[in-house]
Every structure is written in structure tokens, then in C-alpha cells.
N, C-alpha and C. Protein backbone atom coordinates (compact mmCIF):
# COMPACT_ATOMS: atom_id res chain seq x y z
N MET A 1 -31.65 -2.36 0.26
CA MET A 1 -31.13 -1.98 0.56
C MET A 1 -31.54 -1.31 2.02
N SER A 2 -31.26 -1.22 3.09
CA SER A 2 -32.37 0.12 3.97
C SER A 2 -31.89 1.19 3.92
N VAL A 3 -32.38 2.35 4.31
CA VAL A 3 -32.55 4.01 4.42
C VAL A 3 -32.53 3.76 6.17
N ALA A 4 -31.87 4.76 6.72
CA ALA A 4 -32.12 5.29 8.23
C ALA A 4 -31.31 7.17 7.73
N GLU A 5 -32.62 7.66 8.86
CA GLU A 5 -32.29 8.92 8.79
C GLU A 5 -31.78 9.48 9.89
N PHE A 6 -31.12 10.43 10.39
CA PHE A 6 -30.54 11.20 11.43
C PHE A 6 -30.91 12.58 11.45
N LEU A 7 -31.09 13.00 12.39
CA LEU A 7 -31.41 14.65 12.50
C LEU A 7 -30.44 14.57 13.57
N CYS A 8 -28.95 15.66 13.26
CA CYS A 8 -27.91 15.60 14.13
C CYS A 8 -28.44 17.25 14.12
N PRO A 9 -28.53 17.92 15.42
CA PRO A 9 -28.79 19.35 16.09
C PRO A 9 -27.48 20.67 15.64
N ASP A 10 -26.23 19.71 15.99
CA ASP A 10 -25.56 20.35 16.11
C ASP A 10 -24.23 19.13 15.94
N GLU A 11 -22.80 19.60 15.65
CA GLU A 11 -22.04 19.32 15.57
C GLU A 11 -21.57 18.15 16.47
N ALA A 12 -21.06 18.33 17.74
CA ALA A 12 -21.40 17.26 18.52
C ALA A 12 -22.48 15.98 18.92
N ALA A 13 -23.39 16.13 18.26
CA ALA A 13 -24.63 15.32 18.13
C ALA A 13 -24.19 14.55 16.51
N THR A 14 -23.78 15.39 15.64
CA THR A 14 -22.93 14.65 14.05
C THR A 14 -21.64 13.80 14.37
N CYS A 15 -20.63 14.65 15.37
CA CYS A 15 -19.19 13.13 16.55
C CYS A 15 -20.00 11.89 16.74
N ALA A 16 -21.06 12.47 17.75
CA ALA A 16 -21.61 11.29 18.39
C ALA A 16 -22.38 9.80 16.98
N LEU A 17 -23.07 10.54 15.80
CA LEU A 17 -23.48 9.38 14.94
C LEU A 17 -22.30 9.28 14.07
N ALA A 18 -20.86 9.92 13.86
CA ALA A 18 -20.00 9.37 13.32
C ALA A 18 -18.65 8.55 14.24
N ALA A 19 -18.57 8.61 16.02
CA ALA A 19 -18.54 7.24 16.14
C ALA A 19 -19.20 6.39 16.93
N ASP A 20 -20.69 6.23 16.72
CA ASP A 20 -21.32 5.26 16.85
C ASP A 20 -21.27 4.50 15.04
N LEU A 21 -21.44 4.99 14.49
CA LEU A 21 -20.59 4.29 13.05
C LEU A 21 -19.21 3.69 12.78
N ALA A 22 -18.42 4.20 13.16
CA ALA A 22 -16.89 4.12 13.40
C ALA A 22 -16.74 2.83 14.10
N LYS A 23 -17.63 2.61 15.76
CA LYS A 23 -17.58 1.33 16.08
C LYS A 23 -18.25 -0.25 15.86
N ARG A 24 -18.90 0.60 14.54
CA ARG A 24 -19.15 -0.34 13.80
C ARG A 24 -18.40 -0.89 12.67
N CYS A 25 -17.52 -0.45 12.31
CA CYS A 25 -16.85 -0.49 11.76
C CYS A 25 -16.02 -2.08 11.33
N ARG A 26 -15.20 -2.78 10.01
CA ARG A 26 -14.53 -3.35 10.51
C ARG A 26 -13.54 -3.52 8.76
N ALA A 27 -12.44 -3.81 9.37
CA ALA A 27 -11.68 -4.15 7.72
C ALA A 27 -12.15 -3.94 6.51
N GLY A 28 -12.00 -3.34 5.81
CA GLY A 28 -12.68 -3.18 4.35
C GLY A 28 -14.02 -2.87 3.78
N ASP A 29 -14.53 -2.03 4.62
CA ASP A 29 -15.34 -1.14 4.93
C ASP A 29 -15.14 -0.07 4.23
N CYS A 30 -16.05 0.70 3.52
CA CYS A 30 -16.18 1.86 2.61
C CYS A 30 -17.09 2.93 3.13
N LEU A 31 -17.04 4.17 3.51
CA LEU A 31 -18.29 4.81 3.95
C LEU A 31 -18.12 6.13 2.56
N LEU A 32 -18.66 6.62 1.88
CA LEU A 32 -19.05 7.39 0.83
C LEU A 32 -19.55 8.98 2.09
N LEU A 33 -19.03 10.30 1.65
CA LEU A 33 -19.71 11.34 2.35
C LEU A 33 -20.24 12.03 0.80
N GLU A 34 -21.71 12.29 0.98
CA GLU A 34 -21.83 12.92 -0.32
C GLU A 34 -22.39 14.44 0.78
N GLY A 35 -22.44 15.70 -0.16
CA GLY A 35 -23.27 16.47 0.83
C GLY A 35 -22.21 18.21 -0.24
N ASP A 36 -23.26 19.00 0.39
CA ASP A 36 -22.46 20.08 -0.42
C ASP A 36 -21.17 20.39 0.29
N LEU A 37 -20.00 21.64 -0.37
CA LEU A 37 -19.66 22.07 0.45
C LEU A 37 -20.31 22.84 1.82
N GLY A 38 -19.37 22.60 3.00
CA GLY A 38 -20.44 23.06 3.99
C GLY A 38 -21.51 22.21 4.80
N ALA A 39 -21.76 21.17 4.50
CA ALA A 39 -22.58 20.43 4.40
C ALA A 39 -22.15 19.84 5.82
N GLY A 40 -21.04 19.61 6.26
CA GLY A 40 -20.45 19.22 7.06
C GLY A 40 -20.15 17.13 7.25
N LYS A 41 -19.42 17.45 6.16
CA LYS A 41 -18.36 16.39 6.04
C LYS A 41 -17.34 16.22 7.03
N THR A 42 -16.38 17.10 7.13
CA THR A 42 -15.21 17.05 7.48
C THR A 42 -15.62 17.33 9.06
N ALA A 43 -16.80 17.79 9.52
CA ALA A 43 -16.80 17.59 10.47
C ALA A 43 -17.57 15.54 11.24
N PHE A 44 -17.80 15.54 10.81
CA PHE A 44 -18.13 14.09 10.65
C PHE A 44 -17.17 13.65 10.08
N ALA A 45 -16.27 13.21 9.69
CA ALA A 45 -14.51 12.47 9.52
C ALA A 45 -14.39 12.72 10.70
N ARG A 46 -14.16 13.43 11.11
CA ARG A 46 -12.85 14.21 12.45
C ARG A 46 -13.53 13.36 13.73
N GLY A 47 -14.83 13.24 14.19
CA GLY A 47 -15.71 12.25 14.78
C GLY A 47 -15.42 11.03 14.55
N PHE A 48 -15.28 10.99 13.25
CA PHE A 48 -15.45 8.66 12.29
C PHE A 48 -13.87 8.79 13.80
N ILE A 49 -13.16 9.54 12.92
CA ILE A 49 -11.37 9.23 12.69
C ILE A 49 -11.06 9.30 14.18
N LYS A 50 -11.31 10.62 15.08
CA LYS A 50 -11.07 10.56 16.49
C LYS A 50 -11.56 9.26 17.32
N THR A 51 -13.02 8.82 17.11
CA THR A 51 -13.04 7.59 17.83
C THR A 51 -12.28 5.36 17.61
N LEU A 52 -12.01 6.45 16.23
CA LEU A 52 -10.94 5.15 15.70
C LEU A 52 -9.39 5.42 15.86
N VAL A 53 -8.84 6.71 15.89
CA VAL A 53 -7.33 6.54 16.52
C VAL A 53 -7.26 7.68 17.61
N PRO A 54 -7.94 7.52 18.77
CA PRO A 54 -7.95 8.10 19.87
C PRO A 54 -7.03 8.94 19.89
N GLY A 55 -5.13 8.80 19.78
CA GLY A 55 -4.58 9.38 19.70
C GLY A 55 -4.40 10.69 19.00
N ALA A 56 -4.90 10.44 17.88
CA ALA A 56 -4.91 11.35 16.19
C ALA A 56 -5.08 13.10 17.08
N GLN A 57 -3.90 13.65 16.53
CA GLN A 57 -4.26 14.90 17.21
C GLN A 57 -4.82 15.69 15.65
N GLU A 58 -4.49 17.09 15.52
CA GLU A 58 -5.08 17.29 13.98
C GLU A 58 -5.75 16.51 13.04
N ILE A 59 -7.23 16.26 13.08
CA ILE A 59 -7.38 16.04 12.45
C ILE A 59 -7.69 17.21 11.38
N VAL A 60 -7.51 16.62 9.82
CA VAL A 60 -9.11 18.04 8.88
C VAL A 60 -8.79 17.30 7.04
N SER A 61 -9.50 17.86 7.26
CA SER A 61 -10.39 17.43 5.92
C SER A 61 -8.69 17.40 4.65
N PRO A 62 -8.40 16.11 3.95
CA PRO A 62 -7.12 16.17 2.87
C PRO A 62 -8.08 16.91 1.64
N THR A 63 -8.11 18.22 2.07
CA THR A 63 -9.00 18.58 0.63
C THR A 63 -7.16 19.08 -0.38
N PHE A 64 -6.44 19.71 -0.09
CA PHE A 64 -4.89 19.23 -0.84
C PHE A 64 -4.08 18.49 -0.87
N THR A 65 -4.50 17.46 -0.01
CA THR A 65 -3.03 16.09 0.11
C THR A 65 -3.96 15.25 -0.64
N ILE A 66 -4.97 15.17 -0.54
CA ILE A 66 -6.04 14.05 -1.22
C ILE A 66 -6.33 13.13 -0.01
N VAL A 67 -5.59 12.34 0.27
CA VAL A 67 -5.24 10.97 1.40
C VAL A 67 -4.59 11.64 2.25
N GLN A 68 -4.97 11.47 3.16
CA GLN A 68 -4.03 11.06 4.52
C GLN A 68 -4.95 9.93 5.73
N THR A 69 -3.81 8.79 6.15
CA THR A 69 -3.54 7.74 6.20
C THR A 69 -3.72 7.67 7.89
N TYR A 70 -4.42 6.93 8.67
CA TYR A 70 -4.49 6.83 9.95
C TYR A 70 -4.10 5.29 10.62
N GLU A 71 -3.65 4.55 11.53
CA GLU A 71 -3.59 3.46 12.09
C GLU A 71 -4.00 3.32 12.94
N THR A 72 -5.26 2.58 12.93
CA THR A 72 -5.62 2.89 14.41
C THR A 72 -5.13 1.17 15.56
N PRO A 73 -5.64 1.40 16.84
CA PRO A 73 -4.96 0.84 17.56
C PRO A 73 -4.93 -0.39 17.71
N ALA A 74 -5.83 -1.55 16.32
CA ALA A 74 -6.02 -2.73 16.08
C ALA A 74 -4.64 -2.97 14.63
N GLY A 75 -3.93 -1.72 14.57
CA GLY A 75 -3.25 -2.29 13.49
C GLY A 75 -3.90 -1.73 11.84
N ILE A 76 -5.01 -1.15 12.16
CA ILE A 76 -5.96 -1.82 10.62
C ILE A 76 -5.07 0.00 9.81
N LEU A 77 -5.24 0.35 8.77
CA LEU A 77 -5.84 1.44 8.46
C LEU A 77 -7.04 2.07 7.63
N LEU A 78 -6.76 3.16 8.27
CA LEU A 78 -8.38 3.64 8.02
C LEU A 78 -7.32 4.88 6.32
N ASN A 79 -7.69 5.54 6.10
CA ASN A 79 -7.54 6.63 4.82
C ASN A 79 -9.00 7.29 4.33
N HIS A 80 -8.57 8.19 4.48
CA HIS A 80 -9.74 9.50 4.71
C HIS A 80 -9.25 9.93 3.09
N PHE A 81 -9.86 10.23 2.41
CA PHE A 81 -10.12 10.32 0.73
C PHE A 81 -10.62 11.61 0.72
N ASP A 82 -10.24 13.04 -0.21
CA ASP A 82 -11.55 14.15 -0.55
C ASP A 82 -10.82 14.18 -2.09
N LEU A 83 -12.01 13.58 -2.89
CA LEU A 83 -11.52 13.33 -4.28
C LEU A 83 -12.37 15.07 -4.74
N TYR A 84 -12.60 16.06 -4.09
CA TYR A 84 -12.86 17.26 -4.59
C TYR A 84 -12.24 17.64 -5.92
N ARG A 85 -10.47 17.71 -5.66
CA ARG A 85 -9.91 18.16 -6.22
C ARG A 85 -9.05 17.39 -7.72
N LEU A 86 -9.83 16.11 -7.58
CA LEU A 86 -9.51 15.46 -8.60
C LEU A 86 -10.66 15.68 -9.90
N GLU A 87 -9.52 15.80 -11.26
CA GLU A 87 -10.08 15.87 -12.41
C GLU A 87 -10.58 14.30 -13.35
N ASP A 88 -10.27 13.86 -13.13
CA ASP A 88 -10.42 12.42 -13.90
C ASP A 88 -9.73 10.96 -13.55
N GLU A 89 -10.62 10.62 -13.15
CA GLU A 89 -10.88 8.85 -12.19
C GLU A 89 -10.06 8.04 -12.90
N SER A 90 -8.85 8.55 -14.29
CA SER A 90 -7.56 8.20 -13.69
C SER A 90 -5.98 8.78 -12.70
N GLU A 91 -6.88 9.51 -11.87
CA GLU A 91 -5.71 9.67 -11.33
C GLU A 91 -5.83 9.14 -9.72
N LEU A 92 -7.33 8.57 -9.64
CA LEU A 92 -7.57 7.46 -8.59
C LEU A 92 -6.38 6.12 -8.57
N GLN A 93 -5.57 5.55 -9.33
CA GLN A 93 -5.21 4.33 -9.22
C GLN A 93 -3.85 5.34 -8.90
N GLU A 94 -3.23 6.18 -8.98
CA GLU A 94 -2.11 7.10 -8.67
C GLU A 94 -2.41 7.17 -6.90
N ILE A 95 -3.86 7.99 -6.40
CA ILE A 95 -3.46 7.91 -5.31
C ILE A 95 -3.48 6.84 -3.78
N GLY A 96 -3.57 5.90 -4.74
CA GLY A 96 -3.70 5.04 -4.15
C GLY A 96 -5.02 4.27 -3.57
N LEU A 97 -6.36 4.30 -4.52
CA LEU A 97 -8.02 3.87 -3.71
C LEU A 97 -7.72 2.69 -3.61
N ASP A 98 -7.36 2.22 -5.45
CA ASP A 98 -7.93 0.52 -4.86
C ASP A 98 -7.33 -0.75 -4.12
N GLU A 99 -6.05 -0.11 -3.76
CA GLU A 99 -5.34 -0.42 -2.92
C GLU A 99 -6.45 -0.46 -1.03
N ALA A 100 -6.52 1.06 -0.64
CA ALA A 100 -7.28 0.98 0.77
C ALA A 100 -8.14 0.67 0.14
N LEU A 101 -8.76 0.29 -0.26
CA LEU A 101 -10.16 -0.17 -0.85
C LEU A 101 -10.37 -1.93 -0.07
N GLN A 102 -9.27 -2.82 -0.31
CA GLN A 102 -8.83 -3.81 -0.06
C GLN A 102 -8.81 -4.27 1.36
N SER A 103 -7.97 -3.22 1.87
CA SER A 103 -7.60 -3.86 3.33
C SER A 103 -7.88 -3.07 4.51
N GLY A 104 -8.69 -1.61 4.84
CA GLY A 104 -8.31 -1.19 4.94
C GLY A 104 -9.50 -0.32 5.60
N ILE A 105 -9.88 0.95 6.34
CA ILE A 105 -11.02 1.16 5.94
C ILE A 105 -10.97 2.30 5.48
N THR A 106 -12.03 2.33 4.37
CA THR A 106 -11.95 4.03 3.97
C THR A 106 -13.42 4.34 3.95
N LEU A 107 -12.62 6.39 4.13
CA LEU A 107 -13.60 7.54 3.88
C LEU A 107 -13.37 8.25 3.41
N ILE A 108 -14.45 7.99 2.09
CA ILE A 108 -14.36 9.12 1.21
C ILE A 108 -15.22 10.34 0.55
N GLU A 109 -14.43 11.51 1.22
CA GLU A 109 -15.09 12.87 0.94
C GLU A 109 -15.21 12.99 -0.65
N TRP A 110 -16.66 13.39 -1.21
CA TRP A 110 -16.65 13.64 -3.28
C TRP A 110 -16.36 12.16 -3.83
N PRO A 111 -16.97 11.79 -3.76
CA PRO A 111 -17.32 9.81 -4.02
C PRO A 111 -17.61 9.99 -5.56
N ALA A 112 -18.25 10.82 -6.03
CA ALA A 112 -19.18 10.79 -6.96
C ALA A 112 -17.79 10.67 -8.41
N LEU A 113 -16.76 10.79 -8.02
CA LEU A 113 -15.42 10.44 -9.04
C LEU A 113 -15.43 9.37 -9.24
N ALA A 114 -15.71 8.58 -8.32
CA ALA A 114 -14.68 6.92 -7.94
C ALA A 114 -16.01 6.39 -7.86
N SER A 115 -17.09 6.50 -8.39
CA SER A 115 -18.41 5.49 -8.92
C SER A 115 -17.74 4.17 -8.79
N ALA A 116 -16.97 4.33 -10.18
CA ALA A 116 -16.63 2.44 -10.90
C ALA A 116 -16.35 1.80 -9.95
N TRP A 117 -15.53 2.97 -8.84
CA TRP A 117 -14.23 2.17 -8.18
C TRP A 117 -14.13 1.63 -7.06
N LEU A 118 -16.57 1.50 -6.57
CA LEU A 118 -16.58 1.89 -5.51
C LEU A 118 -17.18 0.16 -5.14
N PRO A 119 -17.22 -0.45 -3.57
CA PRO A 119 -17.74 -1.42 -3.71
C PRO A 119 -19.46 -1.11 -3.24
N LYS A 120 -19.74 -2.49 -3.37
CA LYS A 120 -21.27 -1.97 -3.68
C LYS A 120 -21.96 -2.30 -2.58
N ASP A 121 -21.27 -3.20 -1.35
CA ASP A 121 -21.50 -2.58 -0.28
C ASP A 121 -20.96 -1.55 0.62
N ALA A 122 -20.68 -0.47 0.45
CA ALA A 122 -20.21 0.65 0.65
C ALA A 122 -21.51 1.34 0.99
N LEU A 123 -21.09 1.55 2.70
CA LEU A 123 -21.76 2.60 3.00
C LEU A 123 -22.04 4.57 2.74
N HIS A 124 -23.10 4.95 2.18
CA HIS A 124 -24.11 5.77 1.65
C HIS A 124 -24.32 6.69 2.84
N ILE A 125 -23.34 7.74 2.57
CA ILE A 125 -23.95 8.90 4.02
C ILE A 125 -24.42 10.48 3.43
N ALA A 126 -25.64 10.21 3.26
CA ALA A 126 -25.87 12.06 1.99
C ALA A 126 -26.10 12.96 3.81
N ILE A 127 -25.61 14.11 3.45
CA ILE A 127 -26.07 15.19 4.28
C ILE A 127 -26.57 16.41 3.79
N HIS A 128 -27.84 17.09 4.75
CA HIS A 128 -27.84 18.28 4.61
C HIS A 128 -28.05 18.86 5.40
N PRO A 129 -27.75 20.48 5.32
CA PRO A 129 -27.36 21.20 6.20
C PRO A 129 -28.98 21.62 6.57
N HIS A 130 -29.57 21.88 7.74
CA HIS A 130 -30.81 22.84 7.80
C HIS A 130 -31.06 23.91 7.22
N PRO A 131 -31.45 24.47 6.25
CA PRO A 131 -31.35 26.37 5.85
C PRO A 131 -31.16 27.19 7.37
N HIS A 132 -31.56 27.05 8.47
CA HIS A 132 -31.77 28.19 9.58
C HIS A 132 -31.09 28.23 10.98
N SER A 133 -30.30 26.84 10.52
CA SER A 133 -29.67 26.07 12.33
C SER A 133 -28.57 25.10 11.50
N ASP A 134 -28.17 25.45 13.32
CA ASP A 134 -26.01 23.98 12.58
C ASP A 134 -27.00 22.70 12.64
N ALA A 135 -28.20 22.84 12.58
CA ALA A 135 -28.38 21.14 12.39
C ALA A 135 -28.46 20.77 10.77
N ARG A 136 -27.77 19.26 10.89
CA ARG A 136 -27.67 18.35 9.54
C ARG A 136 -28.76 16.84 9.82
N ARG A 137 -29.28 16.90 8.41
CA ARG A 137 -30.24 15.34 8.45
C ARG A 137 -29.19 14.41 7.73
N PHE A 138 -28.80 13.44 8.33
CA PHE A 138 -28.29 12.58 7.34
C PHE A 138 -28.85 11.46 7.23
N THR A 139 -28.93 11.23 6.02
CA THR A 139 -29.38 9.67 5.38
C THR A 139 -27.90 8.30 4.66
N LEU A 140 -28.84 7.65 5.54
CA LEU A 140 -27.73 6.46 5.24
C LEU A 140 -28.62 5.05 4.67
N THR A 141 -27.43 4.72 3.69
CA THR A 141 -27.83 3.87 2.47
C THR A 141 -26.91 2.89 2.81
N GLY A 142 -27.74 2.00 3.10
CA GLY A 142 -26.96 0.45 3.28
C GLY A 142 -26.74 -0.08 4.15
N TRP A 143 -25.62 -1.41 4.99
CA TRP A 143 -25.40 -1.55 6.43
C TRP A 143 -26.56 -1.94 6.48
N ASP A 144 -27.31 -2.88 6.05
CA ASP A 144 -28.51 -3.32 6.49
C ASP A 144 -28.58 -4.14 8.11
N ASP A 145 -28.13 -5.03 8.07
CA ASP A 145 -27.10 -5.97 9.09
C ASP A 145 -26.89 -5.25 10.41
N ARG A 146 -26.13 -3.76 10.28
CA ARG A 146 -25.18 -2.73 11.14
C ARG A 146 -26.07 -1.29 11.56
N LEU A 147 -27.19 -1.78 10.79
CA LEU A 147 -27.91 -0.28 11.67
C LEU A 147 -29.64 -0.27 12.00
N LYS A 148 -29.55 -1.60 12.35
CA LYS A 148 -30.86 -1.86 12.61
C LYS A 148 -31.06 -1.28 14.41
N ASP A 149 -30.44 -1.09 15.17
CA ASP A 149 -30.03 -0.86 16.18
C ASP A 149 -30.21 0.53 16.90
N MET A 150 -29.40 1.07 15.32
CA MET A 150 -29.92 2.59 15.80
C MET A 150 -30.58 3.66 15.81
N THR A 151 -30.69 4.35 16.83
CA THR A 151 -31.90 5.25 16.73
C THR A 151 -31.32 6.80 16.57
């Protein structure tokens, strides 16, 4: 499994990286966003969703709604989950995670609770903020065949 690292100096670069990855997605893909509070998960998700759903208006993290669903122009459902507030793995069935993973594109913030549910071919995206700037370091693990030509 390959690992790729990217340094994004600002939010615009984060959105550009997210857009590049969105263009490589297909139905059935799962992306896992990991990082501390304020790491940049929502900024990444916003850039990702805007690329796949150009008409999407306000894109916010589904911290309180748990899941936000969008439909791409190609008719593929994009499900953005935020599992931060869930307390137990049994809640994953109730929010429809299993169904989302089967057919659409799934973007999951705080995926640790769902580790037993996640596909082995998911793209892991770890986000590390720079301690003295707005820069973020992204470590991508997985998608060996699709990340080769990224710079």
C-alpha cells in the first residue's frame, strides 16, 4: 500500500488537493478523514464536495446531523458523514452507513468508531496542521493505482 504526502500552505491548496482526489473518485469509493479538531477536515470536505456537486450551496460539516447527502450530476450519491458525536458502533446501522458504502461515494470524518465497517480499499487521509502557520500536511494511504501521477 502506497503512501503519498502533500503540503498545502493554505485553504485554497487544501481545496485544490480535495478537488484532484474528487476527480479520481468513482461510485463505491470511501475516503476517511482523520485529524484533530481544527485540522482542516471540513475545508477538505468542502473542496471535495464542490468539485463533485458544483451546484451545492452551503456545505457544512454534518457534526450535528451526522450525515449530509448530495447528488452528483452523474446521479451518484455522495454521503458526508461526521461520526464525532456517535457513542456506539450500533448507531452506524441507524444512520445508514452500510448502505452508503455499497453504492455511492462516502466521505467520513472521525472514522475510528466505524473501523470494522470500512472497506479495505478506502483512502485514508490524515491531516496534520503546521504548528506556526495555516499549512496542512496530508498523508494519503491507499489507492495505489490512482495516486501515482499526483504531485
